PDB file of N, CA and C in Angstrom:
ATOM      1  N   UNK A   1      16.040  -2.052  48.298  1.00  0.00           N
ATOM      2  CA  UNK A   1      14.785  -1.587  49.028  1.00  0.00           C
ATOM      3  C   UNK A   1      13.588  -2.489  49.268  1.00  0.00           C
ATOM      4  N   UNK A   2      12.843  -2.858  48.028  1.00  0.00           N
ATOM      5  CA  UNK A   2      11.684  -3.130  47.363  1.00  0.00           C
ATOM      6  C   UNK A   2      11.859  -4.712  47.695  1.00  0.00           C
ATOM      7  N   UNK A   3      12.989  -5.483  47.411  1.00  0.00           N
ATOM      8  CA  UNK A   3      12.550  -6.983  47.486  1.00  0.00           C
ATOM      9  C   UNK A   3      13.540  -7.349  48.448  1.00  0.00           C
ATOM     10  N   UNK A   4      12.813  -7.595  49.744  1.00  0.00           N
ATOM     11  CA  UNK A   4      12.982  -7.838  51.370  1.00  0.00           C
ATOM     12  C   UNK A   4      12.175  -9.098  51.468  1.00  0.00           C
ATOM     13  N   UNK A   5      11.710  -9.877  50.580  1.00  0.00           N
ATOM     14  CA  UNK A   5      11.239 -11.386  51.196  1.00  0.00           C
ATOM     15  C   UNK A   5      11.779 -12.044  52.255  1.00  0.00           C
ATOM     16  N   UNK A   6      13.100 -11.902  52.068  1.00  0.00           N
ATOM     17  CA  UNK A   6      13.993 -12.977  52.997  1.00  0.00           C
ATOM     18  C   UNK A   6      14.705 -11.992  54.170  1.00  0.00           C
ATOM     19  N   UNK A   7      14.105 -10.460  54.111  1.00  0.00           N
ATOM     20  CA  UNK A   7      14.622  -9.943  55.308  1.00  0.00           C
ATOM     21  C   UNK A   7      14.714 -10.532  56.830  1.00  0.00           C
ATOM     22  N   UNK A   8      15.601 -10.833  57.369  1.00  0.00           N
ATOM     23  CA  UNK A   8      15.768 -11.318  58.700  1.00  0.00           C
ATOM     24  C   UNK A   8      15.245 -10.422  59.741  1.00  0.00           C
ATOM     25  N   UNK A   9      15.063 -10.904  60.988  1.00  0.00           N
ATOM     26  CA  UNK A   9      14.429 -10.221  61.968  1.00  0.00           C
ATOM     27  C   UNK A   9      15.342  -9.285  62.703  1.00  0.00           C
ATOM     28  N   UNK A  10      15.334  -8.090  62.910  1.00  0.00           N
ATOM     29  CA  UNK A  10      16.034  -7.350  63.439  1.00  0.00           C
ATOM     30  C   UNK A  10      17.088  -6.645  62.184  1.00  0.00           C
ATOM     31  N   UNK A  11      17.177  -6.953  61.287  1.00  0.00           N
ATOM     32  CA  UNK A  11      17.810  -6.406  59.964  1.00  0.00           C
ATOM     33  C   UNK A  11      17.358  -5.227  59.556  1.00  0.00           C
ATOM     34  N   UNK A  12      18.634  -4.357  59.383  1.00  0.00           N
ATOM     35  CA  UNK A  12      17.894  -2.915  58.868  1.00  0.00           C
ATOM     36  C   UNK A  12      18.700  -2.901  57.705  1.00  0.00           C
ATOM     37  N   UNK A  13      18.245  -1.571  56.554  1.00  0.00           N
ATOM     38  CA  UNK A  13      19.001  -1.398  55.537  1.00  0.00           C
ATOM     39  C   UNK A  13      18.602   0.404  55.147  1.00  0.00           C
ATOM     40  N   UNK A  14      19.920   1.107  55.125  1.00  0.00           N
ATOM     41  CA  UNK A  14      19.323   2.475  55.030  1.00  0.00           C
ATOM     42  C   UNK A  14      19.876   2.920  53.381  1.00  0.00           C
ATOM     43  N   UNK A  15      19.106   3.918  52.954  1.00  0.00           N
ATOM     44  CA  UNK A  15      19.112   4.552  51.700  1.00  0.00           C
ATOM     45  C   UNK A  15      19.016   5.832  52.032  1.00  0.00           C
ATOM     46  N   UNK A  16      20.337   6.915  51.674  1.00  0.00           N
ATOM     47  CA  UNK A  16      20.641   7.770  52.163  1.00  0.00           C
ATOM     48  C   UNK A  16      20.539   9.170  51.057  1.00  0.00           C
ATOM     49  N   UNK A  17      20.307  10.153  51.023  1.00  0.00           N
ATOM     50  CA  UNK A  17      20.798  11.072  50.280  1.00  0.00           C
ATOM     51  C   UNK A  17      20.864  12.391  51.094  1.00  0.00           C
ATOM     52  N   UNK A  18      21.013  13.838  50.477  1.00  0.00           N
ATOM     53  CA  UNK A  18      21.700  14.982  50.972  1.00  0.00           C
ATOM     54  C   UNK A  18      20.908  15.025  51.996  1.00  0.00           C
ATOM     55  N   UNK A  19      19.234  15.336  51.844  1.00  0.00           N
ATOM     56  CA  UNK A  19      18.675  15.657  52.947  1.00  0.00           C
ATOM     57  C   UNK A  19      17.689  14.717  53.398  1.00  0.00           C
ATOM     58  N   UNK A  20      17.873  13.528  53.163  1.00  0.00           N
ATOM     59  CA  UNK A  20      16.793  12.759  53.888  1.00  0.00           C
ATOM     60  C   UNK A  20      17.497  11.048  53.779  1.00  0.00           C
ATOM     61  N   UNK A  21      16.977  10.112  54.850  1.00  0.00           N
ATOM     62  CA  UNK A  21      17.197   8.985  54.973  1.00  0.00           C
ATOM     63  C   UNK A  21      16.069   8.155  54.675  1.00  0.00           C
ATOM     64  N   UNK A  22      15.892   7.031  53.651  1.00  0.00           N
ATOM     65  CA  UNK A  22      14.895   5.990  54.022  1.00  0.00           C
ATOM     66  C   UNK A  22      15.702   4.732  54.882  1.00  0.00           C
ATOM     67  N   UNK A  23      14.896   4.227  55.612  1.00  0.00           N
ATOM     68  CA  UNK A  23      15.199   2.922  56.300  1.00  0.00           C
ATOM     69  C   UNK A  23      14.314   2.055  56.500  1.00  0.00           C
ATOM     70  N   UNK A  24      14.594   0.794  56.018  1.00  0.00           N
ATOM     71  CA  UNK A  24      13.926  -0.594  56.216  1.00  0.00           C
ATOM     72  C   UNK A  24      14.424  -1.359  57.225  1.00  0.00           C
ATOM     73  N   UNK A  25      13.328  -1.752  58.182  1.00  0.00           N
ATOM     74  CA  UNK A  25      13.583  -2.519  59.488  1.00  0.00           C
ATOM     75  C   UNK A  25      12.398  -3.632  59.742  1.00  0.00           C
ATOM     76  N   UNK A  26      13.341  -4.874  59.704  1.00  0.00           N
ATOM     77  CA  UNK A  26      12.158  -6.028  60.401  1.00  0.00           C
ATOM     78  C   UNK A  26      12.364  -6.092  61.569  1.00  0.00           C
ATOM     79  N   UNK A  27      11.538  -5.478  62.596  1.00  0.00           N
ATOM     80  CA  UNK A  27      11.088  -6.077  64.067  1.00  0.00           C
ATOM     81  C   UNK A  27      11.537  -7.206  64.163  1.00  0.00           C
ATOM     82  N   UNK A  28      11.936  -7.335  65.670  1.00  0.00           N
ATOM     83  CA  UNK A  28      12.106  -9.160  66.288  1.00  0.00           C
ATOM     84  C   UNK A  28      10.627  -9.513  66.567  1.00  0.00           C
ATOM     85  N   UNK A  29       9.703  -8.550  66.590  1.00  0.00           N
ATOM     86  CA  UNK A  29       8.383  -9.164  67.376  1.00  0.00           C
ATOM     87  C   UNK A  29       7.602  -9.429  66.338  1.00  0.00           C
ATOM     88  N   UNK A  30       8.091  -9.525  64.996  1.00  0.00           N
ATOM     89  CA  UNK A  30       6.889  -9.844  64.282  1.00  0.00           C
ATOM     90  C   UNK A  30       7.405 -11.098  63.355  1.00  0.00           C
ATOM     91  N   UNK A  31       7.423 -12.282  64.113  1.00  0.00           N
ATOM     92  CA  UNK A  31       7.619 -13.149  63.891  1.00  0.00           C
ATOM     93  C   UNK A  31       6.516 -14.070  62.786  1.00  0.00           C
ATOM     94  N   UNK A  32       5.462 -13.668  63.224  1.00  0.00           N
ATOM     95  CA  UNK A  32       4.438 -14.248  61.972  1.00  0.00           C
ATOM     96  C   UNK A  32       4.512 -13.218  60.743  1.00  0.00           C
ATOM     97  N   UNK A  33       4.656 -12.019  60.738  1.00  0.00           N
ATOM     98  CA  UNK A  33       4.424 -10.907  59.742  1.00  0.00           C
ATOM     99  C   UNK A  33       5.632 -10.709  59.220  1.00  0.00           C
ATOM    100  N   UNK A  34       5.885 -10.942  57.881  1.00  0.00           N
ATOM    101  CA  UNK A  34       7.153 -10.858  57.169  1.00  0.00           C
ATOM    102  C   UNK A  34       7.407  -9.417  56.671  1.00  0.00           C
ATOM    103  N   UNK A  35       6.219  -8.640  56.524  1.00  0.00           N
ATOM    104  CA  UNK A  35       6.698  -7.372  56.068  1.00  0.00           C
ATOM    105  C   UNK A  35       7.513  -6.422  56.816  1.00  0.00           C
ATOM    106  N   UNK A  36       8.745  -5.780  56.338  1.00  0.00           N
ATOM    107  CA  UNK A  36       9.354  -4.632  57.037  1.00  0.00           C
ATOM    108  C   UNK A  36       8.957  -3.572  57.023  1.00  0.00           C
ATOM    109  N   UNK A  37       9.358  -2.580  57.990  1.00  0.00           N
ATOM    110  CA  UNK A  37       8.985  -1.161  58.124  1.00  0.00           C
ATOM    111  C   UNK A  37       9.472   0.040  57.081  1.00  0.00           C
ATOM    112  N   UNK A  38       9.097   0.386  56.445  1.00  0.00           N
ATOM    113  CA  UNK A  38       9.785   1.566  55.839  1.00  0.00           C
ATOM    114  C   UNK A  38       9.360   3.089  56.242  1.00  0.00           C
ATOM    115  N   UNK A  39      10.420   3.720  56.326  1.00  0.00           N
ATOM    116  CA  UNK A  39      10.064   4.970  57.059  1.00  0.00           C
ATOM    117  C   UNK A  39      11.159   5.784  56.395  1.00  0.00           C
ATOM    118  N   UNK A  40      10.602   7.280  55.977  1.00  0.00           N
ATOM    119  CA  UNK A  40      11.726   8.220  55.541  1.00  0.00           C
ATOM    120  C   UNK A  40      11.633   9.457  56.266  1.00  0.00           C
ATOM    121  N   UNK A  41      12.715   9.722  56.870  1.00  0.00           N
ATOM    122  CA  UNK A  41      13.218  10.681  57.638  1.00  0.00           C
ATOM    123  C   UNK A  41      13.903  11.779  57.386  1.00  0.00           C
ATOM    124  N   UNK A  42      13.658  12.956  57.737  1.00  0.00           N
ATOM    125  CA  UNK A  42      14.521  14.282  57.287  1.00  0.00           C
ATOM    126  C   UNK A  42      15.314  14.562  58.527  1.00  0.00           C
ATOM    127  N   UNK A  43      15.537  14.138  59.676  1.00  0.00           N
ATOM    128  CA  UNK A  43      16.243  14.801  60.469  1.00  0.00           C
ATOM    129  C   UNK A  43      17.884  14.121  60.532  1.00  0.00           C
ATOM    130  N   UNK A  44      18.201  13.309  60.016  1.00  0.00           N
ATOM    131  CA  UNK A  44      19.338  12.515  59.632  1.00  0.00           C
ATOM    132  C   UNK A  44      19.566  12.206  58.589  1.00  0.00           C
ATOM    133  N   UNK A  45      20.903  12.490  57.586  1.00  0.00           N
ATOM    134  CA  UNK A  45      20.952  12.429  56.561  1.00  0.00           C
ATOM    135  C   UNK A  45      22.535  11.172  56.770  1.00  0.00           C
ATOM    136  N   UNK A  46      22.559  10.607  57.577  1.00  0.00           N
ATOM    137  CA  UNK A  46      23.241   9.610  57.438  1.00  0.00           C
ATOM    138  C   UNK A  46      22.659   8.054  58.427  1.00  0.00           C
ATOM    139  N   UNK A  47      22.952   7.001  58.354  1.00  0.00           N
ATOM    140  CA  UNK A  47      22.514   5.715  58.925  1.00  0.00           C
ATOM    141  C   UNK A  47      22.997   5.995  60.498  1.00  0.00           C
ATOM    142  N   UNK A  48      22.244   5.990  61.437  1.00  0.00           N
ATOM    143  CA  UNK A  48      22.516   6.040  62.696  1.00  0.00           C
ATOM    144  C   UNK A  48      21.850   5.091  63.304  1.00  0.00           C
ATOM    145  N   UNK A  49      22.706   4.327  64.197  1.00  0.00           N
ATOM    146  CA  UNK A  49      21.878   3.179  65.121  1.00  0.00           C
ATOM    147  C   UNK A  49      21.823   3.627  66.923  1.00  0.00           C
ATOM    148  N   UNK A  50      20.525   3.517  67.483  1.00  0.00           N
ATOM    149  CA  UNK A  50      20.745   3.882  69.150  1.00  0.00           C
ATOM    150  C   UNK A  50      21.123   2.547  69.962  1.00  0.00           C
ATOM    151  N   UNK A  51      21.194   2.689  70.928  1.00  0.00           N
ATOM    152  CA  UNK A  51      21.840   1.724  71.917  1.00  0.00           C
ATOM    153  C   UNK A  51      21.553   0.479  71.735  1.00  0.00           C
ATOM    154  N   UNK A  52      20.111   0.311  71.485  1.00  0.00           N
ATOM    155  CA  UNK A  52      19.375  -1.043  71.556  1.00  0.00           C
ATOM    156  C   UNK A  52      19.502  -1.700  70.309  1.00  0.00           C
ATOM    157  N   UNK A  53      20.354  -1.415  69.115  1.00  0.00           N
ATOM    158  CA  UNK A  53      20.448  -1.915  68.115  1.00  0.00           C
ATOM    159  C   UNK A  53      19.440  -1.882  66.950  1.00  0.00           C
ATOM    160  N   UNK A  54      18.583  -1.195  67.564  1.00  0.00           N
ATOM    161  CA  UNK A  54      17.393  -0.690  66.238  1.00  0.00           C
ATOM    162  C   UNK A  54      18.195   0.852  65.651  1.00  0.00           C
ATOM    163  N   UNK A  55      17.482   0.707  64.108  1.00  0.00           N
ATOM    164  CA  UNK A  55      17.822   2.475  63.584  1.00  0.00           C
ATOM    165  C   UNK A  55      17.348   3.620  64.773  1.00  0.00           C
ATOM    166  N   UNK A  56      17.873   4.489  64.607  1.00  0.00           N
ATOM    167  CA  UNK A  56      17.640   5.661  65.401  1.00  0.00           C
ATOM    168  C   UNK A  56      16.364   6.368  65.193  1.00  0.00           C
ATOM    169  N   UNK A  57      15.798   6.013  63.811  1.00  0.00           N
ATOM    170  CA  UNK A  57      14.461   6.547  62.850  1.00  0.00           C
ATOM    171  C   UNK A  57      13.494   5.816  63.671  1.00  0.00           C
ATOM    172  N   UNK A  58      13.590   4.728  63.731  1.00  0.00           N
ATOM    173  CA  UNK A  58      12.706   3.374  64.214  1.00  0.00           C
ATOM    174  C   UNK A  58      12.195   4.055  65.835  1.00  0.00           C
ATOM    175  N   UNK A  59      13.341   4.077  66.850  1.00  0.00           N
ATOM    176  CA  UNK A  59      13.101   4.447  67.854  1.00  0.00           C
ATOM    177  C   UNK A  59      12.559   5.556  68.324  1.00  0.00           C
ATOM    178  N   UNK A  60      13.334   7.048  67.623  1.00  0.00           N
ATOM    179  CA  UNK A  60      12.090   8.176  67.364  1.00  0.00           C
ATOM    180  C   UNK A  60      10.570   8.107  66.938  1.00  0.00           C
ATOM    181  N   UNK A  61      10.594   7.303  66.137  1.00  0.00           N
ATOM    182  CA  UNK A  61       8.978   7.024  65.780  1.00  0.00           C
ATOM    183  C   UNK A  61       8.205   6.637  66.877  1.00  0.00           C
ATOM    184  N   UNK A  62       8.868   5.105  67.466  1.00  0.00           N
ATOM    185  CA  UNK A  62       8.115   4.513  68.364  1.00  0.00           C
ATOM    186  C   UNK A  62       7.854   5.274  69.399  1.00  0.00           C
ATOM    187  N   UNK A  63       8.553   6.151  69.905  1.00  0.00           N
ATOM    188  CA  UNK A  63       8.356   7.150  70.749  1.00  0.00           C
ATOM    189  C   UNK A  63       7.604   8.448  70.896  1.00  0.00           C
ATOM    190  N   UNK A  64       7.483   8.723  69.410  1.00  0.00           N
ATOM    191  CA  UNK A  64       6.202   9.863  69.036  1.00  0.00           C
ATOM    192  C   UNK A  64       5.027   9.546  68.598  1.00  0.00           C
ATOM    193  N   UNK A  65       4.784   8.151  67.984  1.00  0.00           N
ATOM    194  CA  UNK A  65       3.913   7.933  67.551  1.00  0.00           C
ATOM    195  C   UNK A  65       2.301   7.774  68.173  1.00  0.00           C
ATOM    196  N   UNK A  66       2.367   7.830  69.684  1.00  0.00           N
ATOM    197  CA  UNK A  66       1.682   8.138  70.487  1.00  0.00           C
ATOM    198  C   UNK A  66       0.714   9.435  70.019  1.00  0.00           C
ATOM    199  N   UNK A  67       1.733  10.459  70.103  1.00  0.00           N
ATOM    200  CA  UNK A  67       0.845  11.686  69.758  1.00  0.00           C
ATOM    201  C   UNK A  67       0.036  11.941  68.845  1.00  0.00           C
ATOM    202  N   UNK A  68       0.351  11.366  67.486  1.00  0.00           N
ATOM    203  CA  UNK A  68      -0.579  10.866  66.619  1.00  0.00           C
ATOM    204  C   UNK A  68      -1.535  10.133  66.606  1.00  0.00           C
ATOM    205  N   UNK A  69      -1.411   9.138  67.205  1.00  0.00           N
ATOM    206  CA  UNK A  69      -2.422   8.324  67.461  1.00  0.00           C
ATOM    207  C   UNK A  69      -3.516   9.244  68.480  1.00  0.00           C
ATOM    208  N   UNK A  70      -3.118   9.967  69.407  1.00  0.00           N
ATOM    209  CA  UNK A  70      -4.028  10.507  70.192  1.00  0.00           C
ATOM    210  C   UNK A  70      -4.617  11.427  69.358  1.00  0.00           C
ATOM    211  N   UNK A  71      -4.175  12.139  68.309  1.00  0.00           N
ATOM    212  CA  UNK A  71      -4.819  13.672  67.655  1.00  0.00           C
ATOM    213  C   UNK A  71      -5.435  12.832  66.898  1.00  0.00           C
ATOM    214  N   UNK A  72      -5.333  11.612  65.854  1.00  0.00           N
ATOM    215  CA  UNK A  72      -6.291  11.234  65.344  1.00  0.00           C
ATOM    216  C   UNK A  72      -8.065  10.709  66.057  1.00  0.00           C
ATOM    217  N   UNK A  73      -7.310  10.219  67.286  1.00  0.00           N
ATOM    218  CA  UNK A  73      -8.368  10.172  68.471  1.00  0.00           C
ATOM    219  C   UNK A  73      -9.558  11.213  68.442  1.00  0.00           C
ATOM    220  N   UNK A  74      -8.736  12.439  68.631  1.00  0.00           N
ATOM    221  CA  UNK A  74      -9.297  13.501  69.093  1.00  0.00           C
ATOM    222  C   UNK A  74     -10.080  13.994  67.631  1.00  0.00           C
ATOM    223  N   UNK A  75      -9.224  13.742  66.741  1.00  0.00           N
ATOM    224  CA  UNK A  75      -9.958  14.337  65.426  1.00  0.00           C
ATOM    225  C   UNK A  75     -11.847  13.427  65.212  1.00  0.00           C
ATOM    226  N   UNK A  76     -11.276  11.999  65.628  1.00  0.00           N
ATOM    227  CA  UNK A  76     -12.688  11.196  65.106  1.00  0.00           C
ATOM    228  C   UNK A  76     -13.713  11.286  66.064  1.00  0.00           C
ATOM    229  N   UNK A  77     -13.443  12.223  67.569  1.00  0.00           N
ATOM    230  CA  UNK A  77     -14.325  12.068  68.417  1.00  0.00           C
ATOM    231  C   UNK A  77     -15.441  13.335  67.730  1.00  0.00           C
ATOM    232  N   UNK A  78     -15.117  14.216  67.318  1.00  0.00           N
ATOM    233  CA  UNK A  78     -15.703  15.370  66.756  1.00  0.00           C
ATOM    234  C   UNK A  78     -15.743  15.680  65.350  1.00  0.00           C
ATOM    235  N   UNK A  79     -16.018  14.965  64.524  1.00  0.00           N
ATOM    236  CA  UNK A  79     -15.510  14.956  63.280  1.00  0.00           C
ATOM    237  C   UNK A  79     -16.662  15.978  62.207  1.00  0.00           C
ATOM    238  N   UNK A  80     -16.014  16.680  61.249  1.00  0.00           N
ATOM    239  CA  UNK A  80     -16.724  17.447  60.664  1.00  0.00           C
ATOM    240  C   UNK A  80     -16.480  16.903  58.958  1.00  0.00           C
ATOM    241  N   UNK A  81     -16.094  15.534  59.037  1.00  0.00           N
ATOM    242  CA  UNK A  81     -16.206  15.001  57.476  1.00  0.00           C
ATOM    243  C   UNK A  81     -17.667  15.095  57.033  1.00  0.00           C
ATOM    244  N   UNK A  82     -17.951  14.934  55.934  1.00  0.00           N
ATOM    245  CA  UNK A  82     -19.168  14.786  55.232  1.00  0.00           C
ATOM    246  C   UNK A  82     -18.822  14.033  53.693  1.00  0.00           C
ATOM    247  N   UNK A  83     -19.571  13.329  53.646  1.00  0.00           N
ATOM    248  CA  UNK A  83     -19.911  12.204  52.057  1.00  0.00           C
ATOM    249  C   UNK A  83     -19.656  13.281  50.976  1.00  0.00           C
ATOM    250  N   UNK A  84     -18.660  13.122  50.267  1.00  0.00           N
ATOM    251  CA  UNK A  84     -18.702  14.301  49.215  1.00  0.00           C
ATOM    252  C   UNK A  84     -17.747  13.312  47.987  1.00  0.00           C
ATOM    253  N   UNK A  85     -18.097  13.579  46.958  1.00  0.00           N
ATOM    254  CA  UNK A  85     -17.109  13.098  45.780  1.00  0.00           C
ATOM    255  C   UNK A  85     -16.257  14.031  45.588  1.00  0.00           C
ATOM    256  N   UNK A  86     -15.825  15.445  45.796  1.00  0.00           N
ATOM    257  CA  UNK A  86     -14.890  15.883  45.477  1.00  0.00           C
ATOM    258  C   UNK A  86     -13.527  16.150  46.436  1.00  0.00           C
ATOM    259  N   UNK A  87     -12.444  15.771  45.925  1.00  0.00           N
ATOM    260  CA  UNK A  87     -11.717  15.742  46.984  1.00  0.00           C
ATOM    261  C   UNK A  87     -11.043  17.253  47.493  1.00  0.00           C
ATOM    262  N   UNK A  88     -10.980  18.128  47.101  1.00  0.00           N
ATOM    263  CA  UNK A  88     -11.049  19.259  47.857  1.00  0.00           C
ATOM    264  C   UNK A  88     -11.511  19.704  48.698  1.00  0.00           C
ATOM    265  N   UNK A  89     -12.839  19.085  49.091  1.00  0.00           N
ATOM    266  CA  UNK A  89     -13.769  19.137  50.363  1.00  0.00           C
ATOM    267  C   UNK A  89     -13.277  18.298  51.086  1.00  0.00           C
ATOM    268  N   UNK A  90     -12.813  17.058  51.062  1.00  0.00           N
ATOM    269  CA  UNK A  90     -12.250  16.232  51.600  1.00  0.00           C
ATOM    270  C   UNK A  90     -10.939  16.915  52.537  1.00  0.00           C
ATOM    271  N   UNK A  91      -9.868  17.359  51.559  1.00  0.00           N
ATOM    272  CA  UNK A  91      -8.947  18.018  52.260  1.00  0.00           C
ATOM    273  C   UNK A  91      -9.422  19.442  53.135  1.00  0.00           C
ATOM    274  N   UNK A  92     -10.380  20.108  52.831  1.00  0.00           N
ATOM    275  CA  UNK A  92     -10.928  20.952  53.653  1.00  0.00           C
ATOM    276  C   UNK A  92     -11.419  20.383  54.900  1.00  0.00           C
ATOM    277  N   UNK A  93     -12.130  19.315  54.752  1.00  0.00           N
ATOM    278  CA  UNK A  93     -12.966  18.877  56.397  1.00  0.00           C
ATOM    279  C   UNK A  93     -11.582  18.251  57.506  1.00  0.00           C
ATOM    280  N   UNK A  94     -10.603  17.766  56.274  1.00  0.00           N
ATOM    281  CA  UNK A  94      -9.555  17.538  57.220  1.00  0.00           C
ATOM    282  C   UNK A  94      -8.601  18.465  57.995  1.00  0.00           C
ATOM    283  N   UNK A  95      -8.771  19.828  57.070  1.00  0.00           N
ATOM    284  CA  UNK A  95      -7.952  20.564  57.749  1.00  0.00           C
ATOM    285  C   UNK A  95      -8.653  21.315  58.603  1.00  0.00           C
ATOM    286  N   UNK A  96      -9.960  21.222  58.677  1.00  0.00           N
ATOM    287  CA  UNK A  96     -11.290  21.746  59.659  1.00  0.00           C
ATOM    288  C   UNK A  96     -10.949  21.056  60.981  1.00  0.00           C
ATOM    289  N   UNK A  97     -11.005  19.605  60.767  1.00  0.00           N
ATOM    290  CA  UNK A  97     -10.815  18.539  61.946  1.00  0.00           C
ATOM    291  C   UNK A  97      -9.557  19.151  62.939  1.00  0.00           C
ATOM    292  N   UNK A  98      -8.295  19.037  62.040  1.00  0.00           N
ATOM    293  CA  UNK A  98      -7.090  19.546  62.707  1.00  0.00           C
ATOM    294  C   UNK A  98      -7.523  21.066  63.420  1.00  0.00           C
ATOM    295  N   UNK A  99      -7.729  21.889  62.730  1.00  0.00           N
ATOM    296  CA  UNK A  99      -8.066  23.245  63.190  1.00  0.00           C
ATOM    297  C   UNK A  99      -8.537  23.138  64.615  1.00  0.00           C
ATOM    298  N   UNK A 100      -9.881  22.253  64.777  1.00  0.00           N
ATOM    299  CA  UNK A 100     -10.558  22.229  65.572  1.00  0.00           C
ATOM    300  C   UNK A 100      -9.931  21.678  66.924  1.00  0.00           C
ATOM    301  N   UNK A 101      -9.127  20.738  66.539  1.00  0.00           N
ATOM    302  CA  UNK A 101      -8.504  19.914  67.621  1.00  0.00           C
ATOM    303  C   UNK A 101      -7.091  21.233  68.351  1.00  0.00           C
ATOM    304  N   UNK A 102      -6.634  21.701  67.483  1.00  0.00           N
ATOM    305  CA  UNK A 102      -5.700  22.405  67.675  1.00  0.00           C
ATOM    306  C   UNK A 102      -6.187  23.768  68.482  1.00  0.00           C
ATOM    307  N   UNK A 103      -7.389  24.265  68.326  1.00  0.00           N
ATOM    308  CA  UNK A 103      -7.662  25.346  69.125  1.00  0.00           C
ATOM    309  C   UNK A 103      -7.901  24.604  70.504  1.00  0.00           C
ATOM    310  N   UNK A 104      -8.807  23.462  70.322  1.00  0.00           N
ATOM    311  CA  UNK A 104      -9.167  22.975  71.666  1.00  0.00           C
ATOM    312  C   UNK A 104      -7.518  23.158  72.448  1.00  0.00           C
ATOM    313  N   UNK A 105      -6.530  22.373  72.242  1.00  0.00           N
ATOM    314  CA  UNK A 105      -5.225  21.975  72.748  1.00  0.00           C
ATOM    315  C   UNK A 105      -5.054  23.598  73.106  1.00  0.00           C
ATOM    316  N   UNK A 106      -4.901  24.345  72.511  1.00  0.00           N
ATOM    317  CA  UNK A 106      -4.701  25.934  72.684  1.00  0.00           C
ATOM    318  C   UNK A 106      -5.512  26.669  73.911  1.00  0.00           C
ATOM    319  N   UNK A 107      -6.858  26.353  73.662  1.00  0.00           N
ATOM    320  CA  UNK A 107      -7.856  26.770  74.825  1.00  0.00           C
ATOM    321  C   UNK A 107      -7.153  25.936  76.200  1.00  0.00           C
ATOM    322  N   UNK A 108      -7.379  24.766  76.127  1.00  0.00           N
ATOM    323  CA  UNK A 108      -6.796  23.902  77.471  1.00  0.00           C
ATOM    324  C   UNK A 108      -5.444  24.180  78.015  1.00  0.00           C
ATOM    325  N   UNK A 109      -4.595  24.684  77.466  1.00  0.00           N
ATOM    326  CA  UNK A 109      -3.435  25.199  77.743  1.00  0.00           C
ATOM    327  C   UNK A 109      -3.247  26.637  78.409  1.00  0.00           C
ATOM    328  N   UNK A 110      -4.138  27.410  78.017  1.00  0.00           N
ATOM    329  CA  UNK A 110      -4.573  28.963  78.406  1.00  0.00           C
ATOM    330  C   UNK A 110      -5.308  28.891  79.894  1.00  0.00           C
ATOM    331  N   UNK A 111      -6.324  27.789  79.555  1.00  0.00           N
ATOM    332  CA  UNK A 111      -7.268  27.868  80.765  1.00  0.00           C
ATOM    333  C   UNK A 111      -7.543  26.075  81.201  1.00  0.00           C
ATOM    334  N   UNK A 112      -6.721  25.780  81.693  1.00  0.00           N
ATOM    335  CA  UNK A 112      -6.417  24.246  82.350  1.00  0.00           C
ATOM    336  C   UNK A 112      -7.582  23.919  83.064  1.00  0.00           C
ATOM    337  N   UNK A 113      -8.230  24.898  83.792  1.00  0.00           N
ATOM    338  CA  UNK A 113      -9.422  24.757  84.853  1.00  0.00           C
ATOM    339  C   UNK A 113     -10.780  24.187  84.071  1.00  0.00           C
ATOM    340  N   UNK A 114     -10.974  25.041  82.612  1.00  0.00           N
ATOM    341  CA  UNK A 114     -12.158  25.092  82.122  1.00  0.00           C
ATOM    342  C   UNK A 114     -11.940  23.385  81.097  1.00  0.00           C
ATOM    343  N   UNK A 115     -12.949  22.576  81.261  1.00  0.00           N
ATOM    344  CA  UNK A 115     -12.962  21.630  80.378  1.00  0.00           C
ATOM    345  C   UNK A 115     -13.915  21.500  79.028  1.00  0.00           C
ATOM    346  N   UNK A 116     -13.880  21.463  78.344  1.00  0.00           N
ATOM    347  CA  UNK A 116     -15.193  21.446  77.382  1.00  0.00           C
ATOM    348  C   UNK A 116     -16.032  19.801  76.999  1.00  0.00           C
ATOM    349  N   UNK A 117     -14.450  18.892  77.284  1.00  0.00           N
ATOM    350  CA  UNK A 117     -15.361  17.793  77.027  1.00  0.00           C
ATOM    351  C   UNK A 117     -15.725  17.092  78.337  1.00  0.00           C
TER     352      UNK A 117
END
């Protein structure tokens, strides 16, 4: 899995265990970039390919990465991060950012006519 310097476009490799799957995939669009994508997934325990020839793990990831990107944008809009040299505070500030975004989403779901932003 690590030595994939000559990994062809569209080629994938799987590593499966009892409850996880590791997939390496080189997309067709990255002709200048020679780095394959590595993903660990716990929904499948066997290699599954989708209809378009990509691993189903990659298709699922591409379909859901927009939500993670939106969450990161919302966390950075009103961030509670502070400069600190202690990692527990950094973790706490990240949890605080996530809690504020989750509270806003829940508030907006129950009262959609009221907007805070």
